[in-house]
Amino acid sequence: MNGPRWHAGDPLRGPSSDGAGYMSSGLLSAEISEDAAAALLASSGRTLAQAQDSIEASAQPRSFALAESATVTVNLRRTRATTRNVVGCFRAATARARW
């Protein structure tokens, strides 16, 4: 969810296509609407704006338990890929690269 101070009312982003943005990062990502966030927070007695204020005031995470929960379903497709890395070895005495 987006914090209400900076992105209130922004529409949810649609799914990215394979190989685009975070899809190629190996990270799972999900987003919920402001209404869904408000519903999850309702039983805590806090609003999304209050949670954001608390985080921004201290620049630290401010986790707390919620009485409600949400379920996220993710469909994954396993792929195999070949990657290449550059490896080098430098000798301290000569500072010349050994390849």
PDB file of N, CA and C in Angstrom:
ATOM      1  N   MET A   1       0.838  -1.166   0.000  1.00  0.00           N
ATOM      2  CA  MET A   1       0.000   0.000   0.000  1.00  0.00           C
ATOM      3  C   MET A   1       0.884   1.229   0.000  1.00  0.00           C
ATOM      4  N   ASN A   2       0.391   2.248  -0.547  1.00  0.00           N
ATOM      5  CA  ASN A   2       1.100   3.523  -0.532  1.00  0.00           C
ATOM      6  C   ASN A   2       0.692   4.298   0.707  1.00  0.00           C
ATOM      7  N   GLY A   3       1.653   5.014   1.284  1.00  0.00           N
ATOM      8  CA  GLY A   3       1.330   5.876   2.406  1.00  0.00           C
ATOM      9  C   GLY A   3       0.464   7.030   1.940  1.00  0.00           C
ATOM     10  N   PRO A   4      -0.497   7.468   2.751  1.00  0.00           N
ATOM     11  CA  PRO A   4      -1.442   8.497   2.318  1.00  0.00           C
ATOM     12  C   PRO A   4      -0.827   9.885   2.147  1.00  0.00           C
ATOM     13  N   ARG A   5       0.313  10.135   2.735  1.00  0.00           N
ATOM     14  CA  ARG A   5       0.899  11.473   2.639  1.00  0.00           C
ATOM     15  C   ARG A   5       1.415  11.779   1.230  1.00  0.00           C
ATOM     16  N   TRP A   6       1.914  10.782   0.534  1.00  0.00           N
ATOM     17  CA  TRP A   6       2.585  11.056  -0.733  1.00  0.00           C
ATOM     18  C   TRP A   6       1.862  10.483  -1.940  1.00  0.00           C
ATOM     19  N   HIS A   7       1.061   9.459  -1.755  1.00  0.00           N
ATOM     20  CA  HIS A   7       0.440   8.825  -2.925  1.00  0.00           C
ATOM     21  C   HIS A   7      -1.034   8.526  -2.721  1.00  0.00           C
ATOM     22  N   ALA A   8      -1.720   9.300  -1.908  1.00  0.00           N
ATOM     23  CA  ALA A   8      -3.143   9.064  -1.662  1.00  0.00           C
ATOM     24  C   ALA A   8      -3.914   9.089  -2.976  1.00  0.00           C
ATOM     25  N   GLY A   9      -4.749   8.101  -3.156  1.00  0.00           N
ATOM     26  CA  GLY A   9      -5.580   8.048  -4.357  1.00  0.00           C
ATOM     27  C   GLY A   9      -4.915   7.492  -5.593  1.00  0.00           C
ATOM     28  N   ASP A  10      -3.615   7.175  -5.525  1.00  0.00           N
ATOM     29  CA  ASP A  10      -2.959   6.585  -6.689  1.00  0.00           C
ATOM     30  C   ASP A  10      -3.600   5.231  -6.989  1.00  0.00           C
ATOM     31  N   PRO A  11      -3.816   4.906  -8.257  1.00  0.00           N
ATOM     32  CA  PRO A  11      -4.391   3.598  -8.589  1.00  0.00           C
ATOM     33  C   PRO A  11      -3.383   2.481  -8.336  1.00  0.00           C
ATOM     34  N   LEU A  12      -3.897   1.279  -8.096  1.00  0.00           N
ATOM     35  CA  LEU A  12      -3.011   0.123  -7.957  1.00  0.00           C
ATOM     36  C   LEU A  12      -2.329  -0.130  -9.293  1.00  0.00           C
ATOM     37  N   ARG A  13      -1.074  -0.540  -9.226  1.00  0.00           N
ATOM     38  CA  ARG A  13      -0.347  -0.877 -10.451  1.00  0.00           C
ATOM     39  C   ARG A  13      -0.789  -2.247 -10.937  1.00  0.00           C
ATOM     40  N   GLY A  14      -0.898  -2.395 -12.218  1.00  0.00           N
ATOM     41  CA  GLY A  14      -1.218  -3.701 -12.800  1.00  0.00           C
ATOM     42  C   GLY A  14       0.012  -4.590 -12.775  1.00  0.00           C
ATOM     43  N   PRO A  15      -0.183  -5.871 -13.035  1.00  0.00           N
ATOM     44  CA  PRO A  15       0.965  -6.782 -13.039  1.00  0.00           C
ATOM     45  C   PRO A  15       1.961  -6.410 -14.130  1.00  0.00           C
ATOM     46  N   SER A  16       3.237  -6.577 -13.823  1.00  0.00           N
ATOM     47  CA  SER A  16       4.283  -6.348 -14.821  1.00  0.00           C
ATOM     48  C   SER A  16       4.414  -7.585 -15.694  1.00  0.00           C
ATOM     49  N   SER A  17       4.840  -7.392 -16.906  1.00  0.00           N
ATOM     50  CA  SER A  17       5.058  -8.527 -17.797  1.00  0.00           C
ATOM     51  C   SER A  17       6.381  -9.198 -17.434  1.00  0.00           C
ATOM     52  N   ASP A  18       6.538 -10.439 -17.858  1.00  0.00           N
ATOM     53  CA  ASP A  18       7.776 -11.172 -17.575  1.00  0.00           C
ATOM     54  C   ASP A  18       8.983 -10.362 -18.002  1.00  0.00           C
ATOM     55  N   GLY A  19       9.980 -10.281 -17.133  1.00  0.00           N
ATOM     56  CA  GLY A  19      11.225  -9.597 -17.439  1.00  0.00           C
ATOM     57  C   GLY A  19      11.179  -8.107 -17.218  1.00  0.00           C
ATOM     58  N   ALA A  20      10.058  -7.572 -16.743  1.00  0.00           N
ATOM     59  CA  ALA A  20       9.944  -6.124 -16.552  1.00  0.00           C
ATOM     60  C   ALA A  20      10.012  -5.780 -15.071  1.00  0.00           C
ATOM     61  N   GLY A  21      10.726  -4.715 -14.733  1.00  0.00           N
ATOM     62  CA  GLY A  21      10.785  -4.209 -13.359  1.00  0.00           C
ATOM     63  C   GLY A  21      11.169  -5.260 -12.350  1.00  0.00           C
ATOM     64  N   TYR A  22      10.389  -5.320 -11.255  1.00  0.00           N
ATOM     65  CA  TYR A  22      10.714  -6.245 -10.183  1.00  0.00           C
ATOM     66  C   TYR A  22      10.537  -7.699 -10.596  1.00  0.00           C
ATOM     67  N   MET A  23       9.884  -7.968 -11.736  1.00  0.00           N
ATOM     68  CA  MET A  23       9.662  -9.348 -12.172  1.00  0.00           C
ATOM     69  C   MET A  23      10.979 -10.084 -12.381  1.00  0.00           C
ATOM     70  N   SER A  24      12.047  -9.375 -12.723  1.00  0.00           N
ATOM     71  CA  SER A  24      13.324 -10.031 -12.966  1.00  0.00           C
ATOM     72  C   SER A  24      14.255  -9.953 -11.756  1.00  0.00           C
ATOM     73  N   SER A  25      13.782  -9.409 -10.627  1.00  0.00           N
ATOM     74  CA  SER A  25      14.640  -9.221  -9.466  1.00  0.00           C
ATOM     75  C   SER A  25      14.703 -10.439  -8.553  1.00  0.00           C
ATOM     76  N   GLY A  26      13.777 -11.380  -8.704  1.00  0.00           N
ATOM     77  CA  GLY A  26      13.728 -12.522  -7.808  1.00  0.00           C
ATOM     78  C   GLY A  26      12.958 -12.234  -6.532  1.00  0.00           C
ATOM     79  N   LEU A  27      12.340 -11.052  -6.427  1.00  0.00           N
ATOM     80  CA  LEU A  27      11.565 -10.671  -5.248  1.00  0.00           C
ATOM     81  C   LEU A  27      10.079 -10.793  -5.536  1.00  0.00           C
ATOM     82  N   LEU A  28       9.334 -11.233  -4.530  1.00  0.00           N
ATOM     83  CA  LEU A  28       7.882 -11.254  -4.657  1.00  0.00           C
ATOM     84  C   LEU A  28       7.340  -9.914  -4.199  1.00  0.00           C
ATOM     85  N   SER A  29       6.294  -9.468  -4.838  1.00  0.00           N
ATOM     86  CA  SER A  29       5.730  -8.170  -4.504  1.00  0.00           C
ATOM     87  C   SER A  29       4.211  -8.243  -4.585  1.00  0.00           C
ATOM     88  N   ALA A  30       3.550  -7.532  -3.687  1.00  0.00           N
ATOM     89  CA  ALA A  30       2.093  -7.428  -3.718  1.00  0.00           C
ATOM     90  C   ALA A  30       1.719  -6.034  -3.247  1.00  0.00           C
ATOM     91  N   GLU A  31       0.565  -5.562  -3.657  1.00  0.00           N
ATOM     92  CA  GLU A  31       0.102  -4.240  -3.268  1.00  0.00           C
ATOM     93  C   GLU A  31      -1.378  -4.344  -2.931  1.00  0.00           C
ATOM     94  N   ILE A  32      -1.811  -3.615  -1.902  1.00  0.00           N
ATOM     95  CA  ILE A  32      -3.227  -3.580  -1.563  1.00  0.00           C
ATOM     96  C   ILE A  32      -3.726  -2.146  -1.651  1.00  0.00           C
ATOM     97  N   SER A  33      -5.028  -2.021  -1.790  1.00  0.00           N
ATOM     98  CA  SER A  33      -5.629  -0.684  -1.917  1.00  0.00           C
ATOM     99  C   SER A  33      -5.662   0.020  -0.566  1.00  0.00           C
ATOM    100  N   GLU A  34      -5.894   1.324  -0.614  1.00  0.00           N
ATOM    101  CA  GLU A  34      -6.031   2.101   0.618  1.00  0.00           C
ATOM    102  C   GLU A  34      -7.217   1.607   1.444  1.00  0.00           C
ATOM    103  N   ASP A  35      -8.315   1.242   0.772  1.00  0.00           N
ATOM    104  CA  ASP A  35      -9.486   0.731   1.483  1.00  0.00           C
ATOM    105  C   ASP A  35      -9.177  -0.583   2.193  1.00  0.00           C
ATOM    106  N   ALA A  36      -8.441  -1.476   1.523  1.00  0.00           N
ATOM    107  CA  ALA A  36      -8.073  -2.748   2.151  1.00  0.00           C
ATOM    108  C   ALA A  36      -7.136  -2.505   3.332  1.00  0.00           C
ATOM    109  N   ALA A  37      -6.207  -1.576   3.194  1.00  0.00           N
ATOM    110  CA  ALA A  37      -5.297  -1.240   4.295  1.00  0.00           C
ATOM    111  C   ALA A  37      -6.071  -0.683   5.479  1.00  0.00           C
ATOM    112  N   ALA A  38      -7.033   0.188   5.205  1.00  0.00           N
ATOM    113  CA  ALA A  38      -7.852   0.764   6.279  1.00  0.00           C
ATOM    114  C   ALA A  38      -8.639  -0.324   7.001  1.00  0.00           C
ATOM    115  N   ALA A  39      -9.168  -1.290   6.249  1.00  0.00           N
ATOM    116  CA  ALA A  39      -9.919  -2.386   6.862  1.00  0.00           C
ATOM    117  C   ALA A  39      -9.018  -3.247   7.745  1.00  0.00           C
ATOM    118  N   LEU A  40      -7.795  -3.513   7.291  1.00  0.00           N
ATOM    119  CA  LEU A  40      -6.856  -4.298   8.098  1.00  0.00           C
ATOM    120  C   LEU A  40      -6.452  -3.560   9.370  1.00  0.00           C
ATOM    121  N   LEU A  41      -6.317  -2.252   9.289  1.00  0.00           N
ATOM    122  CA  LEU A  41      -5.884  -1.449  10.431  1.00  0.00           C
ATOM    123  C   LEU A  41      -7.013  -1.093  11.401  1.00  0.00           C
ATOM    124  N   ALA A  42      -8.254  -1.200  10.979  1.00  0.00           N
ATOM    125  CA  ALA A  42      -9.390  -0.728  11.770  1.00  0.00           C
ATOM    126  C   ALA A  42      -9.385  -1.262  13.199  1.00  0.00           C
ATOM    127  N   SER A  43      -9.154  -2.545  13.390  1.00  0.00           N
ATOM    128  CA  SER A  43      -9.210  -3.124  14.735  1.00  0.00           C
ATOM    129  C   SER A  43      -8.032  -2.695  15.610  1.00  0.00           C
ATOM    130  N   SER A  44      -6.985  -2.120  15.006  1.00  0.00           N
ATOM    131  CA  SER A  44      -5.818  -1.687  15.781  1.00  0.00           C
ATOM    132  C   SER A  44      -6.034  -0.318  16.412  1.00  0.00           C
ATOM    133  N   GLY A  45      -7.073   0.391  15.957  1.00  0.00           N
ATOM    134  CA  GLY A  45      -7.314   1.738  16.448  1.00  0.00           C
ATOM    135  C   GLY A  45      -6.396   2.770  15.806  1.00  0.00           C
ATOM    136  N   ARG A  46      -5.677   2.375  14.770  1.00  0.00           N
ATOM    137  CA  ARG A  46      -4.762   3.286  14.073  1.00  0.00           C
ATOM    138  C   ARG A  46      -5.213   3.474  12.641  1.00  0.00           C
ATOM    139  N   THR A  47      -4.883   4.604  12.101  1.00  0.00           N
ATOM    140  CA  THR A  47      -5.124   4.845  10.679  1.00  0.00           C
ATOM    141  C   THR A  47      -3.807   4.673   9.933  1.00  0.00           C
ATOM    142  N   LEU A  48      -3.913   4.576   8.647  1.00  0.00           N
ATOM    143  CA  LEU A  48      -2.712   4.476   7.824  1.00  0.00           C
ATOM    144  C   LEU A  48      -1.861   5.733   7.975  1.00  0.00           C
ATOM    145  N   ALA A  49      -2.503   6.890   8.065  1.00  0.00           N
ATOM    146  CA  ALA A  49      -1.761   8.146   8.253  1.00  0.00           C
ATOM    147  C   ALA A  49      -1.006   8.138   9.582  1.00  0.00           C
ATOM    148  N   GLN A  50      -1.628   7.627  10.653  1.00  0.00           N
ATOM    149  CA  GLN A  50      -0.944   7.548  11.944  1.00  0.00           C
ATOM    150  C   GLN A  50       0.249   6.603  11.878  1.00  0.00           C
ATOM    151  N   ALA A  51       0.085   5.477  11.207  1.00  0.00           N
ATOM    152  CA  ALA A  51       1.196   4.528  11.058  1.00  0.00           C
ATOM    153  C   ALA A  51       2.338   5.170  10.279  1.00  0.00           C
ATOM    154  N   GLN A  52       2.008   5.885   9.210  1.00  0.00           N
ATOM    155  CA  GLN A  52       3.038   6.558   8.420  1.00  0.00           C
ATOM    156  C   GLN A  52       3.742   7.631   9.237  1.00  0.00           C
ATOM    157  N   ASP A  53       2.980   8.427   9.983  1.00  0.00           N
ATOM    158  CA  ASP A  53       3.581   9.464  10.832  1.00  0.00           C
ATOM    159  C   ASP A  53       4.570   8.873  11.823  1.00  0.00           C
ATOM    160  N   SER A  54       4.204   7.761  12.445  1.00  0.00           N
ATOM    161  CA  SER A  54       5.061   7.106  13.430  1.00  0.00           C
ATOM    162  C   SER A  54       6.375   6.635  12.801  1.00  0.00           C
ATOM    163  N   ILE A  55       6.274   6.059  11.614  1.00  0.00           N
ATOM    164  CA  ILE A  55       7.472   5.584  10.914  1.00  0.00           C
ATOM    165  C   ILE A  55       8.356   6.762  10.512  1.00  0.00           C
ATOM    166  N   GLU A  56       7.761   7.789   9.943  1.00  0.00           N
ATOM    167  CA  GLU A  56       8.542   8.925   9.460  1.00  0.00           C
ATOM    168  C   GLU A  56       9.153   9.740  10.598  1.00  0.00           C
ATOM    169  N   ALA A  57       8.485   9.804  11.743  1.00  0.00           N
ATOM    170  CA  ALA A  57       9.009  10.571  12.880  1.00  0.00           C
ATOM    171  C   ALA A  57      10.295   9.968  13.424  1.00  0.00           C
ATOM    172  N   SER A  58      10.398   8.638  13.362  1.00  0.00           N
ATOM    173  CA  SER A  58      11.564   7.978  13.939  1.00  0.00           C
ATOM    174  C   SER A  58      12.509   7.414  12.884  1.00  0.00           C
ATOM    175  N   ALA A  59      12.066   7.382  11.631  1.00  0.00           N
ATOM    176  CA  ALA A  59      12.830   6.760  10.545  1.00  0.00           C
ATOM    177  C   ALA A  59      13.175   5.312  10.885  1.00  0.00           C
ATOM    178  N   GLN A  60      12.258   4.658  11.600  1.00  0.00           N
ATOM    179  CA  GLN A  60      12.432   3.255  11.993  1.00  0.00           C
ATOM    180  C   GLN A  60      11.132   2.503  11.720  1.00  0.00           C
ATOM    181  N   PRO A  61      11.226   1.205  11.475  1.00  0.00           N
ATOM    182  CA  PRO A  61       9.993   0.412  11.346  1.00  0.00           C
ATOM    183  C   PRO A  61       9.191   0.486  12.639  1.00  0.00           C
ATOM    184  N   ARG A  62       7.897   0.460  12.548  1.00  0.00           N
ATOM    185  CA  ARG A  62       7.003   0.497  13.716  1.00  0.00           C
ATOM    186  C   ARG A  62       5.969  -0.617  13.570  1.00  0.00           C
ATOM    187  N   SER A  63       6.421  -1.856  13.635  1.00  0.00           N
ATOM    188  CA  SER A  63       5.548  -3.015  13.462  1.00  0.00           C
ATOM    189  C   SER A  63       4.596  -3.167  14.635  1.00  0.00           C
ATOM    190  N   PHE A  64       3.416  -3.679  14.356  1.00  0.00           N
ATOM    191  CA  PHE A  64       2.448  -4.016  15.398  1.00  0.00           C
ATOM    192  C   PHE A  64       1.524  -5.093  14.846  1.00  0.00           C
ATOM    193  N   ALA A  65       0.973  -5.892  15.748  1.00  0.00           N
ATOM    194  CA  ALA A  65       0.106  -7.007  15.358  1.00  0.00           C
ATOM    195  C   ALA A  65      -1.264  -6.488  14.938  1.00  0.00           C
ATOM    196  N   LEU A  66      -1.871  -7.176  14.003  1.00  0.00           N
ATOM    197  CA  LEU A  66      -3.220  -6.863  13.555  1.00  0.00           C
ATOM    198  C   LEU A  66      -4.143  -8.033  13.874  1.00  0.00           C
ATOM    199  N   ALA A  67      -5.378  -7.726  14.218  1.00  0.00           N
ATOM    200  CA  ALA A  67      -6.367  -8.778  14.476  1.00  0.00           C
ATOM    201  C   ALA A  67      -6.820  -9.411  13.164  1.00  0.00           C
ATOM    202  N   GLU A  68      -6.758  -8.662  12.089  1.00  0.00           N
ATOM    203  CA  GLU A  68      -7.179  -9.142  10.776  1.00  0.00           C
ATOM    204  C   GLU A  68      -5.979  -9.642   9.996  1.00  0.00           C
ATOM    205  N   SER A  69      -6.229 -10.391   8.937  1.00  0.00           N
ATOM    206  CA  SER A  69      -5.131 -10.871   8.099  1.00  0.00           C
ATOM    207  C   SER A  69      -5.565 -10.846   6.638  1.00  0.00           C
ATOM    208  N   ALA A  70      -4.614 -11.017   5.777  1.00  0.00           N
ATOM    209  CA  ALA A  70      -4.864 -11.075   4.338  1.00  0.00           C
ATOM    210  C   ALA A  70      -4.071 -12.251   3.782  1.00  0.00           C
ATOM    211  N   THR A  71      -4.539 -12.808   2.710  1.00  0.00           N
ATOM    212  CA  THR A  71      -3.856 -13.919   2.049  1.00  0.00           C
ATOM    213  C   THR A  71      -3.424 -13.466   0.660  1.00  0.00           C
ATOM    214  N   VAL A  72      -2.208 -13.769   0.307  1.00  0.00           N
ATOM    215  CA  VAL A  72      -1.672 -13.446  -1.015  1.00  0.00           C
ATOM    216  C   VAL A  72      -1.358 -14.751  -1.723  1.00  0.00           C
ATOM    217  N   THR A  73      -1.858 -14.905  -2.927  1.00  0.00           N
ATOM    218  CA  THR A  73      -1.571 -16.082  -3.739  1.00  0.00           C
ATOM    219  C   THR A  73      -0.638 -15.664  -4.866  1.00  0.00           C
ATOM    220  N   VAL A  74       0.444 -16.401  -5.031  1.00  0.00           N
ATOM    221  CA  VAL A  74       1.438 -16.073  -6.049  1.00  0.00           C
ATOM    222  C   VAL A  74       1.619 -17.270  -6.972  1.00  0.00           C
ATOM    223  N   ASN A  75       1.598 -17.038  -8.259  1.00  0.00           N
ATOM    224  CA  ASN A  75       1.883 -18.078  -9.239  1.00  0.00           C
ATOM    225  C   ASN A  75       3.303 -17.874  -9.728  1.00  0.00           C
ATOM    226  N   LEU A  76       4.122 -18.884  -9.589  1.00  0.00           N
ATOM    227  CA  LEU A  76       5.519 -18.797 -10.010  1.00  0.00           C
ATOM    228  C   LEU A  76       5.782 -19.737 -11.168  1.00  0.00           C
ATOM    229  N   ARG A  77       6.676 -19.334 -12.016  1.00  0.00           N
ATOM    230  CA  ARG A  77       7.137 -20.194 -13.094  1.00  0.00           C
ATOM    231  C   ARG A  77       8.648 -20.293 -12.970  1.00  0.00           C
ATOM    232  N   ARG A  78       9.133 -21.493 -12.765  1.00  0.00           N
ATOM    233  CA  ARG A  78      10.575 -21.703 -12.613  1.00  0.00           C
ATOM    234  C   ARG A  78      11.232 -21.686 -13.993  1.00  0.00           C
ATOM    235  N   THR A  79      12.325 -20.947 -14.096  1.00  0.00           N
ATOM    236  CA  THR A  79      13.096 -20.908 -15.341  1.00  0.00           C
ATOM    237  C   THR A  79      14.566 -21.127 -15.015  1.00  0.00           C
ATOM    238  N   ARG A  80      15.271 -21.652 -15.959  1.00  0.00           N
ATOM    239  CA  ARG A  80      16.719 -21.821 -15.818  1.00  0.00           C
ATOM    240  C   ARG A  80      17.403 -20.787 -16.695  1.00  0.00           C
ATOM    241  N   ALA A  81      18.502 -20.258 -16.184  1.00  0.00           N
ATOM    242  CA  ALA A  81      19.228 -19.243 -16.937  1.00  0.00           C
ATOM    243  C   ALA A  81      20.713 -19.381 -16.662  1.00  0.00           C
ATOM    244  N   THR A  82      21.506 -18.950 -17.591  1.00  0.00           N
ATOM    245  CA  THR A  82      22.953 -18.916 -17.433  1.00  0.00           C
ATOM    246  C   THR A  82      23.361 -17.466 -17.204  1.00  0.00           C
ATOM    247  N   THR A  83      24.164 -17.251 -16.192  1.00  0.00           N
ATOM    248  CA  THR A  83      24.667 -15.906 -15.932  1.00  0.00           C
ATOM    249  C   THR A  83      26.182 -15.934 -15.933  1.00  0.00           C
ATOM    250  N   ARG A  84      26.777 -14.793 -16.093  1.00  0.00           N
ATOM    251  CA  ARG A  84      28.223 -14.690 -16.100  1.00  0.00           C
ATOM    252  C   ARG A  84      28.643 -13.632 -15.096  1.00  0.00           C
ATOM    253  N   ASN A  85      29.749 -13.887 -14.426  1.00  0.00           N
ATOM    254  CA  ASN A  85      30.330 -12.935 -13.498  1.00  0.00           C
ATOM    255  C   ASN A  85      31.790 -12.718 -13.869  1.00  0.00           C
ATOM    256  N   VAL A  86      32.332 -11.581 -13.537  1.00  0.00           N
ATOM    257  CA  VAL A  86      33.741 -11.292 -13.755  1.00  0.00           C
ATOM    258  C   VAL A  86      34.466 -11.576 -12.457  1.00  0.00           C
ATOM    259  N   VAL A  87      35.524 -12.372 -12.547  1.00  0.00           N
ATOM    260  CA  VAL A  87      36.303 -12.720 -11.357  1.00  0.00           C
ATOM    261  C   VAL A  87      37.750 -12.338 -11.620  1.00  0.00           C
ATOM    262  N   GLY A  88      38.369 -11.716 -10.653  1.00  0.00           N
ATOM    263  CA  GLY A  88      39.765 -11.335 -10.784  1.00  0.00           C
ATOM    264  C   GLY A  88      40.501 -11.592  -9.490  1.00  0.00           C
ATOM    265  N   CYS A  89      41.804 -11.724  -9.589  1.00  0.00           N
ATOM    266  CA  CYS A  89      42.633 -11.943  -8.410  1.00  0.00           C
ATOM    267  C   CYS A  89      43.786 -10.936  -8.467  1.00  0.00           C
ATOM    268  N   PHE A  90      43.936 -10.132  -7.449  1.00  0.00           N
ATOM    269  CA  PHE A  90      45.005  -9.151  -7.387  1.00  0.00           C
ATOM    270  C   PHE A  90      46.010  -9.560  -6.327  1.00  0.00           C
ATOM    271  N   ARG A  91      47.274  -9.581  -6.688  1.00  0.00           N
ATOM    272  CA  ARG A  91      48.330  -9.860  -5.716  1.00  0.00           C
ATOM    273  C   ARG A  91      48.656  -8.571  -4.986  1.00  0.00           C
ATOM    274  N   ALA A  92      48.706  -8.643  -3.688  1.00  0.00           N
ATOM    275  CA  ALA A  92      48.962  -7.450  -2.883  1.00  0.00           C
ATOM    276  C   ALA A  92      50.347  -6.862  -3.149  1.00  0.00           C
ATOM    277  N   ALA A  93      51.347  -7.701  -3.343  1.00  0.00           N
ATOM    278  CA  ALA A  93      52.722  -7.213  -3.511  1.00  0.00           C
ATOM    279  C   ALA A  93      52.917  -6.494  -4.842  1.00  0.00           C
ATOM    280  N   THR A  94      52.308  -6.985  -5.906  1.00  0.00           N
ATOM    281  CA  THR A  94      52.550  -6.397  -7.219  1.00  0.00           C
ATOM    282  C   THR A  94      51.372  -5.571  -7.748  1.00  0.00           C
ATOM    283  N   ALA A  95      50.214  -5.761  -7.161  1.00  0.00           N
ATOM    284  CA  ALA A  95      49.011  -5.044  -7.574  1.00  0.00           C
ATOM    285  C   ALA A  95      48.697  -5.244  -9.049  1.00  0.00           C
ATOM    286  N   ARG A  96      49.140  -6.396  -9.623  1.00  0.00           N
ATOM    287  CA  ARG A  96      48.818  -6.719 -11.011  1.00  0.00           C
ATOM    288  C   ARG A  96      47.688  -7.739 -11.031  1.00  0.00           C
ATOM    289  N   ALA A  97      46.842  -7.612 -11.994  1.00  0.00           N
ATOM    290  CA  ALA A  97      45.719  -8.551 -12.098  1.00  0.00           C
ATOM    291  C   ALA A  97      46.209  -9.890 -12.639  1.00  0.00           C
ATOM    292  N   ARG A  98      45.686 -10.951 -12.100  1.00  0.00           N
ATOM    293  CA  ARG A  98      45.992 -12.305 -12.562  1.00  0.00           C
ATOM    294  C   ARG A  98      44.677 -12.902 -13.074  1.00  0.00           C
ATOM    295  N   TRP A  99      44.602 -13.139 -14.315  1.00  0.00           N
ATOM    296  CA  TRP A  99      43.360 -13.653 -14.910  1.00  0.00           C
ATOM    297  C   TRP A  99      43.459 -15.071 -15.249  1.00  0.00           C
TER     298      TRP A  99
END
